[in-house]
Amino acid sequence: MRKPGKILWREIEEVLSEDIANGVYKAGDRLPKEAELAVRFGVNRHTIRQALAALRDRGAITIEQGRGMFVKVPKLAYPVSERTRFTENIAKLDLKVRGKLLRQWEEQASPQIAEDLAIAPGTLCVAFDDLRDIDGEVVTLTTRYFPAARFAGIADAFDRLGSVTAALKALGIDDYTRRWTRVHARGATLEEAAALRLPSDFAVLVVDTVNVDSDGVPIERGSNRSPGGRFELVFET
């Protein structure tokens, strides 16, 4: 029943807003199509568009051309500094983060990996992919490379401890710092889309990094991929 004095599209906006607040449509969910909403509320599509535009304007949903309408996912502020620690940073937001080892392997360092780790091309490295989720939501896929001579057991240590910082500490690295961070965006590969549970045409934010030990020796080359728009990187200088 309509409320006296209420504009129809405003009523629909309020109902959809309550649906989002009550978890009927969760963050990242695709909303029903305009035609379906028009049938639900018994109105024309123009009225539905007005309600959806109002939800978009106040930041509740996003409307993506050719893909549909989605409940907006709040950005997570993620500080990038000399001592960036993923698990610790997320814990400060009162969220529970969990790391999962996807696969591990050995390979000879490519010229680029060798340059980043300050080792000779062809030097054996251990590598692994890990997936992180926050309160059950998959948020990052990271590929990491370490010189094998020094870090032969790093993947197993991570698998056991669920944290790179803890795994490094178990192997004798009590402290490390970030040498550099490089950020760009691109389309997700099929493998990345599957791991991050994304549509195949979704964009990912790529954060490439090199960490060094207390003597300044490179110990890790990482490449972190996350759903585009999920994180807000804050560079602390």
Protein backbone atom coordinates (compact mmCIF):
# COMPACT_ATOMS: atom_id res chain seq x y z
CA MET A 1 0.00 0.00 0.00
CA ARG A 2 1.32 3.42 -0.91
CA LYS A 3 2.16 5.89 1.83
CA PRO A 4 0.30 9.20 1.52
CA GLY A 5 2.45 11.93 0.00
CA LYS A 6 5.18 9.55 -1.11
CA ILE A 7 6.49 9.60 -4.67
CA LEU A 8 6.21 6.12 -6.14
CA TRP A 9 9.82 5.76 -7.25
CA ARG A 10 10.97 6.96 -3.83
CA GLU A 11 8.95 4.20 -2.17
CA ILE A 12 10.58 1.63 -4.45
CA GLU A 13 14.02 3.06 -3.64
CA GLU A 14 13.30 2.67 0.09
CA VAL A 15 12.10 -0.93 -0.32
CA LEU A 16 15.20 -1.89 -2.33
CA SER A 17 17.39 -0.10 0.20
CA GLU A 18 15.80 -2.14 3.00
CA ASP A 19 16.35 -5.33 0.96
CA ILE A 20 20.06 -4.47 0.75
CA ALA A 21 20.28 -3.61 4.45
CA ASN A 22 18.54 -6.87 5.40
CA GLY A 23 20.81 -9.01 3.21
CA VAL A 24 18.24 -9.95 0.58
CA TYR A 25 20.79 -8.54 -1.87
CA LYS A 26 24.34 -8.77 -0.50
CA ALA A 27 27.41 -6.74 -1.42
CA GLY A 28 28.45 -7.68 -4.96
CA ASP A 29 25.10 -9.32 -5.83
CA ARG A 30 23.50 -8.57 -9.16
CA LEU A 31 20.06 -6.97 -8.80
CA PRO A 32 17.09 -8.26 -10.83
CA LYS A 33 16.66 -6.71 -14.26
CA GLU A 34 14.52 -3.60 -14.70
CA ALA A 35 11.73 -5.65 -16.29
CA GLU A 36 11.64 -8.03 -13.31
CA LEU A 37 11.54 -5.15 -10.83
CA ALA A 38 8.79 -3.49 -12.85
CA VAL A 39 6.68 -6.66 -12.54
CA ARG A 40 7.45 -6.95 -8.81
CA PHE A 41 6.32 -3.39 -8.04
CA GLY A 42 3.61 -3.14 -10.69
CA VAL A 43 5.06 -0.04 -12.32
CA ASN A 44 6.65 0.92 -15.63
CA ARG A 45 10.39 0.70 -16.27
CA HIS A 46 10.81 4.48 -16.21
CA THR A 47 9.74 4.51 -12.56
CA ILE A 48 12.16 1.68 -11.80
CA ARG A 49 14.98 3.61 -13.49
CA GLN A 50 14.30 6.62 -11.26
CA ALA A 51 14.51 4.46 -8.13
CA LEU A 52 17.72 2.77 -9.32
CA ALA A 53 19.30 6.10 -10.26
CA ALA A 54 18.60 7.37 -6.74
CA LEU A 55 20.23 4.26 -5.24
CA ARG A 56 23.24 4.75 -7.49
CA ASP A 57 23.55 8.45 -6.67
CA ARG A 58 23.77 7.75 -2.95
CA GLY A 59 26.33 5.00 -3.46
CA ALA A 60 24.21 1.92 -2.71
CA ILE A 61 24.55 0.28 -6.14
CA THR A 62 26.60 0.46 -9.30
CA ILE A 63 25.13 0.28 -12.80
CA GLU A 64 27.51 -1.26 -15.36
CA GLN A 65 26.69 -0.91 -19.03
CA GLY A 66 26.01 -4.32 -20.57
CA ARG A 67 26.45 -6.20 -17.27
CA GLY A 68 23.65 -5.03 -15.01
CA MET A 69 23.17 -3.50 -11.58
CA PHE A 70 25.17 -4.59 -8.53
CA VAL A 71 25.05 -3.90 -4.83
CA LYS A 72 28.09 -1.76 -4.17
CA VAL A 73 30.92 -3.40 -2.26
CA PRO A 74 32.49 -1.00 0.29
CA LYS A 75 36.15 -0.30 -0.36
CA LEU A 76 38.68 -1.51 2.17
CA ALA A 77 41.34 1.06 3.02
CA TYR A 78 44.69 -0.70 2.74
CA PRO A 79 47.80 1.23 3.83
CA VAL A 80 50.94 0.74 1.73
CA SER A 81 54.09 1.67 3.63
CA GLU A 82 57.61 0.51 4.39
CA ARG A 83 56.17 -2.24 6.62
CA THR A 84 53.06 -3.33 4.77
CA ARG A 85 51.55 -6.44 6.36
CA PHE A 86 48.32 -7.74 4.79
CA THR A 87 47.07 -9.80 7.74
CA GLU A 88 47.91 -7.14 10.31
CA ASN A 89 46.37 -4.33 8.24
CA ILE A 90 43.09 -6.18 7.77
CA ALA A 91 43.00 -7.18 11.45
CA LYS A 92 43.04 -3.47 12.32
CA LEU A 93 39.72 -3.16 10.47
CA ASP A 94 38.24 -5.76 12.84
CA LEU A 95 37.92 -8.28 10.02
CA LYS A 96 39.08 -11.89 10.00
CA VAL A 97 41.54 -12.75 7.24
CA ARG A 98 42.54 -16.27 6.25
CA GLY A 99 45.32 -17.40 3.91
CA LYS A 100 45.11 -20.58 1.85
CA LEU A 101 47.90 -22.21 -0.15
CA LEU A 102 46.65 -23.01 -3.65
CA ARG A 103 49.76 -24.54 -5.21
CA GLN A 104 53.53 -24.49 -4.94
CA TRP A 105 56.33 -25.18 -7.44
CA GLU A 106 59.98 -24.52 -8.29
CA GLU A 107 61.21 -22.70 -11.36
CA GLN A 108 64.27 -20.93 -12.67
CA ALA A 109 64.14 -17.18 -12.28
CA SER A 110 63.17 -15.27 -15.41
CA PRO A 111 65.27 -12.18 -16.22
CA GLN A 112 62.63 -9.93 -14.61
CA ILE A 113 62.25 -12.02 -11.43
CA ALA A 114 66.04 -12.32 -11.22
CA GLU A 115 66.45 -8.55 -11.48
CA ASP A 116 63.81 -7.92 -8.80
CA LEU A 117 65.36 -10.46 -6.42
CA ALA A 118 68.95 -9.43 -7.26
CA ILE A 119 69.90 -12.97 -8.29
CA ALA A 120 71.32 -14.42 -11.48
CA PRO A 121 68.83 -15.37 -14.23
CA GLY A 122 68.11 -19.08 -14.05
CA THR A 123 68.63 -19.26 -10.28
CA LEU A 124 66.19 -21.72 -8.74
CA CYS A 125 63.23 -20.11 -6.95
CA VAL A 126 60.39 -21.54 -4.90
CA ALA A 127 57.02 -20.07 -5.71
CA PHE A 128 53.47 -20.43 -4.50
CA ASP A 129 50.00 -19.02 -5.05
CA ASP A 130 47.92 -18.09 -2.05
CA LEU A 131 44.33 -17.02 -1.79
CA ARG A 132 43.08 -14.72 0.97
CA ASP A 133 39.54 -14.31 2.15
CA ILE A 134 38.10 -11.75 4.54
CA ASP A 135 35.17 -13.00 6.60
CA GLY A 136 34.59 -15.68 3.97
CA GLU A 137 34.83 -13.34 0.94
CA VAL A 138 37.69 -14.12 -1.47
CA VAL A 139 39.64 -10.88 -1.96
CA THR A 140 43.19 -11.54 -3.19
CA LEU A 141 45.23 -13.99 -5.23
CA THR A 142 48.99 -13.61 -4.82
CA THR A 143 51.90 -15.27 -6.61
CA ARG A 144 55.16 -15.15 -4.63
CA TYR A 145 58.77 -15.96 -5.55
CA PHE A 146 61.64 -16.61 -3.10
CA PRO A 147 65.27 -17.69 -3.72
CA ALA A 148 65.20 -21.47 -3.17
CA ALA A 149 68.61 -21.69 -1.52
CA ARG A 150 67.37 -19.58 1.37
CA PHE A 151 63.64 -20.31 1.51
CA ALA A 152 63.14 -23.95 0.49
CA GLY A 153 60.39 -24.54 3.08
CA ILE A 154 58.50 -21.23 2.76
CA ALA A 155 55.38 -22.65 1.07
CA ASP A 156 54.92 -25.40 3.65
CA ALA A 157 55.47 -22.87 6.46
CA PHE A 158 52.81 -20.59 4.95
CA ASP A 159 50.44 -23.54 4.55
CA ARG A 160 50.89 -24.35 8.22
CA LEU A 161 50.77 -20.81 9.61
CA GLY A 162 48.51 -18.97 7.13
CA SER A 163 50.70 -15.85 7.14
CA VAL A 164 53.76 -14.86 5.09
CA THR A 165 55.15 -12.83 7.99
CA ALA A 166 54.85 -15.83 10.32
CA ALA A 167 56.33 -18.17 7.70
CA LEU A 168 59.33 -15.88 7.18
CA LYS A 169 59.84 -15.63 10.93
CA ALA A 170 59.86 -19.43 11.16
CA LEU A 171 62.70 -19.40 8.63
CA GLY A 172 64.73 -16.82 10.53
CA ILE A 173 63.49 -13.52 9.04
CA ASP A 174 62.38 -11.51 12.08
CA ASP A 175 61.74 -8.30 10.14
CA TYR A 176 61.46 -7.15 6.54
CA THR A 177 60.47 -4.00 4.69
CA ARG A 178 58.97 -3.02 1.35
CA ARG A 179 61.51 -1.86 -1.25
CA TRP A 180 58.93 -0.89 -3.83
CA THR A 181 55.26 -1.20 -4.78
CA ARG A 182 53.96 -0.94 -8.35
CA VAL A 183 50.21 -0.75 -9.07
CA HIS A 184 48.22 -1.16 -12.28
CA ALA A 185 44.89 -2.56 -13.48
CA ARG A 186 44.04 -5.01 -16.26
CA GLY A 187 41.47 -7.61 -17.24
CA ALA A 188 41.46 -10.82 -15.20
CA THR A 189 42.82 -13.99 -16.75
CA LEU A 190 40.51 -17.02 -16.76
CA GLU A 191 42.54 -18.55 -13.91
CA GLU A 192 42.33 -15.37 -11.84
CA ALA A 193 38.61 -14.97 -12.48
CA ALA A 194 37.97 -18.55 -11.35
CA ALA A 195 40.05 -18.20 -8.17
CA LEU A 196 38.56 -14.83 -7.24
CA ARG A 197 35.03 -15.89 -8.26
CA LEU A 198 34.70 -13.09 -10.78
CA PRO A 199 33.08 -12.78 -14.22
CA SER A 200 35.67 -13.51 -16.91
CA ASP A 201 35.61 -9.89 -18.16
CA PHE A 202 36.16 -8.33 -14.71
CA ALA A 203 39.09 -6.00 -14.01
CA VAL A 204 41.66 -6.77 -11.34
CA LEU A 205 43.97 -4.45 -9.43
CA VAL A 206 47.55 -5.74 -9.64
CA VAL A 207 50.02 -4.81 -6.90
CA ASP A 208 53.59 -5.94 -7.64
CA THR A 209 56.05 -5.75 -4.74
CA VAL A 210 59.56 -6.54 -3.58
CA ASN A 211 60.37 -7.06 0.10
CA VAL A 212 63.87 -6.99 1.57
CA ASP A 213 65.41 -8.23 4.82
CA SER A 214 67.04 -6.04 7.49
CA ASP A 215 70.27 -5.99 5.43
CA GLY A 216 68.45 -4.78 2.33
CA VAL A 217 68.70 -8.12 0.51
CA PRO A 218 65.58 -8.93 -1.60
CA ILE A 219 63.71 -11.93 -0.20
CA GLU A 220 60.34 -11.91 -1.94
CA ARG A 221 58.84 -10.83 -5.26
CA GLY A 222 55.05 -10.80 -5.12
CA SER A 223 52.17 -10.09 -7.48
CA ASN A 224 48.84 -9.52 -5.76
CA ARG A 225 45.57 -9.46 -7.73
CA SER A 226 42.26 -8.32 -6.26
CA PRO A 227 38.83 -7.47 -7.69
CA GLY A 228 38.90 -3.97 -9.17
CA GLY A 229 37.40 -1.47 -6.75
CA ARG A 230 37.60 -3.71 -3.68
CA PHE A 231 40.60 -1.97 -2.09
CA GLU A 232 41.49 1.68 -1.67
CA LEU A 233 45.28 1.82 -1.49
CA VAL A 234 46.60 4.47 0.89
CA PHE A 235 50.29 5.24 0.36
CA GLU A 236 51.98 6.31 3.58
CA THR A 237 55.08 8.45 2.97
